[in-house]
C-alpha cells in the first residue's frame, strides 16, 4: 500500500492519504514533499513518503478526544500481534462480546489471530480461560502513526 503521511506545517501528524492524493496536493501547492523514497520518481517529482502542509491547520479536536476507534487502528495499536497468544493477528476480538453488550471501544477490543478468536467465541477471556497478554487502552495519535 502506498499510503503517504500528511503532516501539519509544524510537523504534527494529521492523517494518511493515497499516493495519488499526495501528488495532487503537491501539484496544487497545498503541500510539499518532506520525505521521499530514494531514487524513485513520479514524473519530475520524487515519490513522497511524507508531505508537509504549506499552511498550518488548526486541529484542537485531535488533542481533546484522541483518535476514533477503528479496526485498522486496533491492529496498528497491537502491532499486528494476537492479544491472547502473541501470534500474527488478522481479526478483532471484543473482550466483552457484542452479543452481551460489548461496544467497539479501544478498551474492549484487541487484535486476535483467527484461531484464538474462534476458540474464545462468545465468552469473556476469563470464561474461556484465555488471559490477555496486553492491557487494551486508547492509543495516542503518535502511537497510531508510528506503525
N, C-alpha and C. Protein backbone atom coordinates (compact mmCIF):
# COMPACT_ATOMS: atom_id res chain seq x y z
N UNK A 1 0.84 -1.17 0.00
CA UNK A 1 0.00 0.00 0.00
C UNK A 1 0.88 1.23 0.00
N UNK A 2 0.62 2.17 -0.88
CA UNK A 2 1.41 3.39 -0.98
C UNK A 2 0.73 4.54 -0.26
N UNK A 3 0.52 4.41 1.05
CA UNK A 3 -0.08 5.48 1.83
C UNK A 3 1.01 6.50 2.15
N UNK A 4 0.66 7.77 2.05
CA UNK A 4 1.59 8.85 2.32
C UNK A 4 1.11 9.58 3.56
N UNK A 5 2.00 9.81 4.50
CA UNK A 5 1.66 10.53 5.73
C UNK A 5 1.61 12.02 5.43
N UNK A 6 0.53 12.67 5.89
CA UNK A 6 0.40 14.12 5.78
C UNK A 6 0.68 14.70 7.15
N UNK A 7 1.64 15.62 7.21
CA UNK A 7 1.94 16.30 8.47
C UNK A 7 1.60 17.78 8.34
N UNK A 8 1.28 18.38 9.47
CA UNK A 8 0.94 19.79 9.50
C UNK A 8 2.20 20.61 9.28
N UNK A 9 2.05 21.91 9.14
CA UNK A 9 3.20 22.79 8.92
C UNK A 9 4.19 22.72 10.09
N UNK A 10 3.68 22.38 11.29
CA UNK A 10 4.57 22.25 12.46
C UNK A 10 5.09 20.82 12.63
N UNK A 11 4.88 19.98 11.61
CA UNK A 11 5.33 18.58 11.54
C UNK A 11 4.53 17.63 12.43
N UNK A 12 3.38 18.06 12.94
CA UNK A 12 2.50 17.16 13.68
C UNK A 12 1.73 16.28 12.70
N UNK A 13 1.62 14.97 12.96
CA UNK A 13 0.92 14.08 12.03
C UNK A 13 -0.56 14.40 11.96
N UNK A 14 -1.13 14.34 10.75
CA UNK A 14 -2.56 14.59 10.56
C UNK A 14 -3.29 13.32 10.14
N UNK A 15 -2.91 12.75 9.01
CA UNK A 15 -3.57 11.55 8.51
C UNK A 15 -2.76 10.96 7.36
N UNK A 16 -3.25 9.87 6.80
CA UNK A 16 -2.61 9.25 5.64
C UNK A 16 -3.52 9.42 4.42
N UNK A 17 -2.90 9.58 3.27
CA UNK A 17 -3.64 9.69 2.02
C UNK A 17 -2.99 8.77 0.99
N UNK A 18 -3.71 8.55 -0.10
CA UNK A 18 -3.15 7.72 -1.17
C UNK A 18 -2.01 8.48 -1.86
N UNK A 19 -1.19 7.75 -2.57
CA UNK A 19 -0.08 8.36 -3.31
C UNK A 19 -0.62 9.36 -4.33
N UNK A 20 -1.70 8.99 -5.00
CA UNK A 20 -2.31 9.87 -6.00
C UNK A 20 -2.77 11.18 -5.37
N UNK A 21 -3.41 11.09 -4.19
CA UNK A 21 -3.88 12.28 -3.49
C UNK A 21 -2.70 13.16 -3.08
N UNK A 22 -1.63 12.54 -2.59
CA UNK A 22 -0.45 13.30 -2.17
C UNK A 22 0.17 14.06 -3.34
N UNK A 23 0.25 13.42 -4.49
CA UNK A 23 0.81 14.10 -5.68
C UNK A 23 -0.08 15.28 -6.06
N UNK A 24 -1.41 15.09 -5.99
CA UNK A 24 -2.32 16.22 -6.29
C UNK A 24 -2.11 17.37 -5.32
N UNK A 25 -1.88 17.06 -4.04
CA UNK A 25 -1.64 18.10 -3.04
C UNK A 25 -0.37 18.89 -3.38
N UNK A 26 0.66 18.18 -3.83
CA UNK A 26 1.92 18.84 -4.21
C UNK A 26 1.71 19.70 -5.46
N UNK A 27 1.00 19.17 -6.44
CA UNK A 27 0.75 19.93 -7.67
C UNK A 27 -0.08 21.19 -7.40
N UNK A 28 -1.03 21.10 -6.48
CA UNK A 28 -1.86 22.27 -6.13
C UNK A 28 -1.13 23.22 -5.18
N UNK A 29 0.08 22.86 -4.78
CA UNK A 29 0.92 23.64 -3.87
C UNK A 29 0.28 23.82 -2.50
N UNK A 30 -0.50 22.83 -2.08
CA UNK A 30 -1.08 22.80 -0.74
C UNK A 30 -0.07 22.18 0.21
N UNK A 31 0.76 21.30 -0.33
CA UNK A 31 1.76 20.59 0.46
C UNK A 31 3.05 20.50 -0.33
N UNK A 32 4.12 20.22 0.39
CA UNK A 32 5.40 19.98 -0.27
C UNK A 32 5.96 18.67 0.25
N UNK A 33 6.81 18.07 -0.54
CA UNK A 33 7.37 16.77 -0.17
C UNK A 33 8.39 16.99 0.94
N UNK A 34 8.13 16.32 2.07
CA UNK A 34 9.01 16.45 3.24
C UNK A 34 10.02 15.29 3.28
N UNK A 35 9.56 14.10 2.90
CA UNK A 35 10.43 12.92 2.88
C UNK A 35 10.02 12.08 1.68
N UNK A 36 11.00 11.59 0.93
CA UNK A 36 10.71 10.85 -0.30
C UNK A 36 11.45 9.53 -0.33
N UNK A 37 10.96 8.63 -1.19
CA UNK A 37 11.63 7.36 -1.44
C UNK A 37 12.91 7.66 -2.22
N UNK A 38 14.04 7.10 -1.81
CA UNK A 38 15.27 7.37 -2.55
C UNK A 38 15.24 6.76 -3.96
N UNK A 39 15.68 7.56 -4.92
CA UNK A 39 15.84 7.12 -6.31
C UNK A 39 14.55 6.65 -6.97
N UNK A 40 13.38 7.11 -6.52
CA UNK A 40 12.11 6.77 -7.16
C UNK A 40 11.40 8.05 -7.54
N UNK A 41 10.99 8.15 -8.79
CA UNK A 41 10.34 9.36 -9.28
C UNK A 41 8.96 9.05 -9.83
N UNK A 42 8.10 10.07 -9.75
CA UNK A 42 6.81 10.07 -10.43
C UNK A 42 6.84 11.31 -11.30
N UNK A 43 7.12 11.13 -12.57
CA UNK A 43 7.35 12.29 -13.44
C UNK A 43 8.62 12.98 -13.00
N UNK A 44 8.51 14.26 -12.69
CA UNK A 44 9.69 15.01 -12.22
C UNK A 44 9.76 15.07 -10.70
N UNK A 45 8.75 14.53 -10.03
CA UNK A 45 8.70 14.60 -8.57
C UNK A 45 9.22 13.31 -7.94
N UNK A 46 9.94 13.43 -6.82
CA UNK A 46 10.32 12.22 -6.08
C UNK A 46 9.07 11.58 -5.47
N UNK A 47 9.07 10.27 -5.33
CA UNK A 47 7.91 9.58 -4.75
C UNK A 47 7.84 9.90 -3.25
N UNK A 48 6.77 10.57 -2.82
CA UNK A 48 6.70 11.02 -1.42
C UNK A 48 6.36 9.89 -0.45
N UNK A 49 6.97 9.95 0.73
CA UNK A 49 6.59 9.12 1.87
C UNK A 49 5.84 9.99 2.88
N UNK A 50 6.27 11.27 2.98
CA UNK A 50 5.66 12.23 3.89
C UNK A 50 5.53 13.56 3.16
N UNK A 51 4.32 14.16 3.22
CA UNK A 51 4.14 15.50 2.68
C UNK A 51 3.77 16.44 3.84
N UNK A 52 4.28 17.68 3.76
CA UNK A 52 4.04 18.68 4.81
C UNK A 52 3.16 19.78 4.24
N UNK A 53 2.10 20.12 4.98
CA UNK A 53 1.22 21.20 4.53
C UNK A 53 1.99 22.52 4.53
N UNK A 54 1.69 23.37 3.56
CA UNK A 54 2.35 24.66 3.44
C UNK A 54 1.85 25.61 4.54
N UNK A 55 0.55 25.56 4.83
CA UNK A 55 -0.03 26.41 5.88
C UNK A 55 -0.51 25.55 7.03
N UNK A 56 -0.34 26.06 8.24
CA UNK A 56 -0.76 25.34 9.45
C UNK A 56 -2.27 25.19 9.49
N UNK A 57 -2.76 24.00 9.86
CA UNK A 57 -4.18 23.74 10.02
C UNK A 57 -4.43 23.50 11.51
N UNK A 58 -5.39 24.24 12.08
CA UNK A 58 -5.71 24.11 13.50
C UNK A 58 -6.42 22.77 13.73
N UNK A 59 -5.95 22.01 14.70
CA UNK A 59 -6.51 20.68 14.96
C UNK A 59 -6.70 20.47 16.46
N UNK A 60 -7.31 21.42 17.13
CA UNK A 60 -7.52 21.27 18.57
C UNK A 60 -8.30 20.02 18.92
N UNK A 61 -9.25 19.63 18.08
CA UNK A 61 -10.09 18.46 18.34
C UNK A 61 -9.27 17.19 18.49
N UNK A 62 -8.11 17.10 17.84
CA UNK A 62 -7.29 15.90 17.95
C UNK A 62 -6.77 15.67 19.36
N UNK A 63 -6.53 16.74 20.09
CA UNK A 63 -5.94 16.61 21.41
C UNK A 63 -6.99 16.42 22.48
N UNK A 64 -8.22 16.84 22.23
CA UNK A 64 -9.25 16.71 23.25
C UNK A 64 -9.89 15.33 23.26
N UNK A 65 -10.00 14.70 22.11
CA UNK A 65 -10.72 13.43 22.05
C UNK A 65 -9.83 12.23 21.75
N UNK A 66 -8.74 12.42 21.10
CA UNK A 66 -7.90 11.29 20.70
C UNK A 66 -8.47 10.64 19.45
N UNK A 67 -7.79 9.65 18.93
CA UNK A 67 -8.24 9.02 17.68
C UNK A 67 -9.53 8.22 17.89
N UNK A 68 -10.36 8.19 16.86
CA UNK A 68 -11.59 7.40 16.89
C UNK A 68 -11.25 5.92 16.74
N UNK A 69 -12.08 5.06 17.32
CA UNK A 69 -11.87 3.62 17.24
C UNK A 69 -12.00 3.17 15.78
N UNK A 70 -11.13 2.25 15.38
CA UNK A 70 -11.22 1.65 14.06
C UNK A 70 -10.52 0.30 14.07
N UNK A 71 -10.93 -0.59 13.18
CA UNK A 71 -10.28 -1.89 13.07
C UNK A 71 -8.80 -1.76 12.70
N UNK A 72 -8.47 -0.96 11.67
CA UNK A 72 -7.04 -0.79 11.37
C UNK A 72 -6.28 -0.19 12.55
N UNK A 73 -6.95 0.69 13.30
CA UNK A 73 -6.31 1.29 14.47
C UNK A 73 -5.98 0.26 15.53
N UNK A 74 -6.87 -0.70 15.74
CA UNK A 74 -6.63 -1.77 16.72
C UNK A 74 -5.43 -2.60 16.29
N UNK A 75 -5.40 -2.99 15.01
CA UNK A 75 -4.28 -3.80 14.51
C UNK A 75 -2.97 -3.03 14.62
N UNK A 76 -3.01 -1.73 14.36
CA UNK A 76 -1.81 -0.90 14.47
C UNK A 76 -1.38 -0.76 15.93
N UNK A 77 -2.35 -0.47 16.81
CA UNK A 77 -2.04 -0.31 18.24
C UNK A 77 -1.39 -1.57 18.80
N UNK A 78 -1.92 -2.74 18.43
CA UNK A 78 -1.42 -4.01 18.94
C UNK A 78 -0.28 -4.58 18.10
N UNK A 79 0.20 -3.79 17.14
CA UNK A 79 1.33 -4.14 16.29
C UNK A 79 1.13 -5.47 15.56
N UNK A 80 -0.14 -5.77 15.21
CA UNK A 80 -0.44 -6.98 14.45
C UNK A 80 -0.25 -8.26 15.22
N UNK A 81 -0.20 -8.19 16.55
CA UNK A 81 0.01 -9.37 17.38
C UNK A 81 -1.27 -9.73 18.12
N UNK A 82 -1.53 -11.01 18.22
CA UNK A 82 -2.71 -11.51 18.92
C UNK A 82 -2.60 -11.19 20.41
N UNK A 83 -3.69 -10.68 20.98
CA UNK A 83 -3.72 -10.34 22.39
C UNK A 83 -3.74 -11.55 23.30
N UNK A 84 -3.95 -12.74 22.74
CA UNK A 84 -4.03 -13.97 23.53
C UNK A 84 -2.77 -14.83 23.41
N UNK A 85 -2.31 -15.08 22.18
CA UNK A 85 -1.16 -15.98 22.02
C UNK A 85 0.09 -15.26 21.53
N UNK A 86 -0.04 -14.03 21.06
CA UNK A 86 1.11 -13.29 20.56
C UNK A 86 1.44 -13.56 19.10
N UNK A 87 0.65 -14.40 18.44
CA UNK A 87 0.87 -14.71 17.03
C UNK A 87 0.40 -13.59 16.11
N UNK A 88 0.41 -13.88 14.81
CA UNK A 88 0.01 -12.90 13.80
C UNK A 88 -1.51 -12.69 13.85
N UNK A 89 -1.95 -11.46 14.12
CA UNK A 89 -3.38 -11.16 14.25
C UNK A 89 -3.95 -10.69 12.92
N UNK A 90 -5.12 -11.22 12.59
CA UNK A 90 -5.82 -10.79 11.37
C UNK A 90 -7.25 -10.35 11.67
N UNK A 91 -7.73 -10.57 12.90
CA UNK A 91 -9.10 -10.22 13.25
C UNK A 91 -9.12 -9.36 14.51
N UNK A 92 -10.30 -8.88 14.82
CA UNK A 92 -10.51 -8.08 16.03
C UNK A 92 -11.42 -8.88 16.96
N UNK A 93 -11.07 -8.94 18.26
CA UNK A 93 -11.90 -9.64 19.23
C UNK A 93 -12.43 -8.65 20.26
N UNK A 94 -13.70 -8.80 20.60
CA UNK A 94 -14.31 -7.99 21.65
C UNK A 94 -14.15 -8.72 22.98
N UNK A 95 -13.54 -8.07 23.95
CA UNK A 95 -13.31 -8.69 25.25
C UNK A 95 -14.65 -9.05 25.89
N UNK A 96 -15.55 -8.08 26.00
CA UNK A 96 -16.93 -8.37 26.35
C UNK A 96 -17.66 -8.48 25.01
N UNK A 97 -18.11 -9.68 24.64
CA UNK A 97 -18.69 -9.89 23.31
C UNK A 97 -19.83 -8.91 23.00
N UNK A 98 -19.96 -8.57 21.74
CA UNK A 98 -21.01 -7.64 21.32
C UNK A 98 -22.39 -8.20 21.65
N UNK A 99 -22.55 -9.51 21.61
CA UNK A 99 -23.84 -10.13 21.92
C UNK A 99 -24.24 -9.91 23.38
N UNK A 100 -23.27 -9.54 24.20
CA UNK A 100 -23.53 -9.29 25.62
C UNK A 100 -23.46 -7.80 25.95
N UNK A 101 -23.48 -6.98 24.92
CA UNK A 101 -23.49 -5.53 25.15
C UNK A 101 -22.13 -4.87 25.00
N UNK A 102 -21.11 -5.61 24.59
CA UNK A 102 -19.79 -5.03 24.40
C UNK A 102 -19.79 -4.06 23.23
N UNK A 103 -19.06 -2.99 23.36
CA UNK A 103 -19.03 -1.94 22.34
C UNK A 103 -17.71 -1.94 21.58
N UNK A 104 -17.71 -1.24 20.45
CA UNK A 104 -16.48 -1.02 19.69
C UNK A 104 -15.72 0.13 20.34
N UNK A 105 -14.92 -0.17 21.33
CA UNK A 105 -14.11 0.84 22.00
C UNK A 105 -12.67 0.33 22.09
N UNK A 106 -11.76 1.27 22.32
CA UNK A 106 -10.34 0.90 22.43
C UNK A 106 -10.10 -0.07 23.57
N UNK A 107 -10.82 0.09 24.69
CA UNK A 107 -10.58 -0.75 25.86
C UNK A 107 -11.31 -2.09 25.82
N UNK A 108 -12.24 -2.26 24.87
CA UNK A 108 -12.99 -3.51 24.78
C UNK A 108 -12.57 -4.38 23.60
N UNK A 109 -11.58 -3.97 22.83
CA UNK A 109 -11.17 -4.75 21.67
C UNK A 109 -9.66 -4.96 21.64
N UNK A 110 -9.28 -6.11 21.13
CA UNK A 110 -7.86 -6.43 20.92
C UNK A 110 -7.71 -7.13 19.58
N UNK A 111 -6.54 -7.07 19.02
CA UNK A 111 -6.22 -7.82 17.82
C UNK A 111 -6.12 -9.29 18.22
N UNK A 112 -6.58 -10.18 17.33
CA UNK A 112 -6.54 -11.61 17.65
C UNK A 112 -6.29 -12.40 16.38
N UNK A 113 -5.64 -13.54 16.54
CA UNK A 113 -5.50 -14.44 15.41
C UNK A 113 -6.83 -15.18 15.24
N UNK A 114 -7.06 -15.73 14.08
CA UNK A 114 -8.32 -16.42 13.81
C UNK A 114 -8.56 -17.59 14.75
N UNK A 115 -7.52 -18.32 15.10
CA UNK A 115 -7.65 -19.49 15.97
C UNK A 115 -8.11 -19.09 17.37
N UNK A 116 -7.46 -18.08 17.95
CA UNK A 116 -7.84 -17.63 19.30
C UNK A 116 -9.23 -17.00 19.30
N UNK A 117 -9.54 -16.23 18.26
CA UNK A 117 -10.85 -15.58 18.19
C UNK A 117 -11.94 -16.64 18.12
N UNK A 118 -11.72 -17.68 17.33
CA UNK A 118 -12.69 -18.78 17.21
C UNK A 118 -12.81 -19.53 18.53
N UNK A 119 -11.68 -19.80 19.17
CA UNK A 119 -11.67 -20.55 20.42
C UNK A 119 -12.38 -19.81 21.54
N UNK A 120 -12.16 -18.50 21.60
CA UNK A 120 -12.80 -17.69 22.65
C UNK A 120 -14.30 -17.59 22.42
N UNK A 121 -14.69 -17.45 21.16
CA UNK A 121 -16.11 -17.43 20.82
C UNK A 121 -16.87 -16.32 21.51
N UNK A 122 -18.03 -16.66 22.06
CA UNK A 122 -18.96 -15.71 22.66
C UNK A 122 -18.78 -15.68 24.19
N UNK A 123 -17.52 -15.73 24.64
CA UNK A 123 -17.24 -15.74 26.07
C UNK A 123 -16.27 -14.62 26.42
N UNK A 124 -16.16 -14.33 27.68
CA UNK A 124 -15.13 -13.38 28.13
C UNK A 124 -13.82 -14.14 28.22
N UNK A 125 -12.69 -13.45 28.28
CA UNK A 125 -11.42 -14.16 28.42
C UNK A 125 -11.36 -15.06 29.66
N UNK A 126 -11.96 -14.61 30.76
CA UNK A 126 -11.96 -15.42 31.98
C UNK A 126 -12.77 -16.69 31.79
N UNK A 127 -13.93 -16.58 31.16
CA UNK A 127 -14.77 -17.75 30.93
C UNK A 127 -14.09 -18.74 29.98
N UNK A 128 -13.35 -18.23 29.01
CA UNK A 128 -12.67 -19.08 28.05
C UNK A 128 -11.31 -19.55 28.55
N UNK A 129 -10.92 -19.07 29.73
CA UNK A 129 -9.59 -19.38 30.31
C UNK A 129 -8.47 -19.00 29.35
N UNK A 130 -8.62 -17.78 28.80
CA UNK A 130 -7.64 -17.25 27.86
C UNK A 130 -7.22 -15.85 28.34
N UNK A 131 -6.24 -15.78 29.22
CA UNK A 131 -5.86 -14.46 29.73
C UNK A 131 -5.24 -13.58 28.64
N UNK A 132 -5.52 -12.30 28.72
CA UNK A 132 -4.95 -11.35 27.77
C UNK A 132 -3.49 -11.09 28.10
N UNK A 133 -2.67 -10.98 27.07
CA UNK A 133 -1.25 -10.68 27.23
C UNK A 133 -1.01 -9.17 27.28
N UNK A 134 -2.03 -8.40 26.91
CA UNK A 134 -1.91 -6.94 26.86
C UNK A 134 -3.06 -6.32 27.62
N UNK A 135 -2.89 -5.07 28.03
CA UNK A 135 -3.98 -4.31 28.64
C UNK A 135 -4.43 -3.31 27.59
N UNK A 136 -5.62 -3.51 27.02
CA UNK A 136 -6.07 -2.61 25.95
C UNK A 136 -6.31 -1.20 26.49
N UNK A 137 -5.86 -0.22 25.72
CA UNK A 137 -6.06 1.18 26.09
C UNK A 137 -6.14 2.02 24.83
N UNK A 138 -6.68 3.22 24.98
CA UNK A 138 -6.79 4.13 23.84
C UNK A 138 -5.39 4.63 23.49
N UNK A 139 -4.99 4.53 22.23
CA UNK A 139 -3.65 4.97 21.84
C UNK A 139 -3.61 6.47 21.59
N UNK A 140 -2.43 7.02 21.58
CA UNK A 140 -2.25 8.41 21.19
C UNK A 140 -2.12 8.46 19.68
N UNK A 141 -2.21 9.67 19.12
CA UNK A 141 -2.01 9.80 17.68
C UNK A 141 -0.62 9.35 17.28
N UNK A 142 0.37 9.65 18.10
CA UNK A 142 1.75 9.30 17.79
C UNK A 142 1.93 7.79 17.67
N UNK A 143 1.27 7.03 18.54
CA UNK A 143 1.37 5.57 18.50
C UNK A 143 0.78 5.04 17.21
N UNK A 144 -0.38 5.55 16.79
CA UNK A 144 -1.02 5.06 15.57
C UNK A 144 -0.20 5.39 14.33
N UNK A 145 0.44 6.55 14.30
CA UNK A 145 1.19 6.95 13.11
C UNK A 145 2.60 6.39 13.09
N UNK A 146 3.04 5.79 14.19
CA UNK A 146 4.38 5.21 14.23
C UNK A 146 4.41 3.87 13.49
N UNK A 147 3.24 3.26 13.29
CA UNK A 147 3.21 1.92 12.67
C UNK A 147 2.84 1.98 11.24
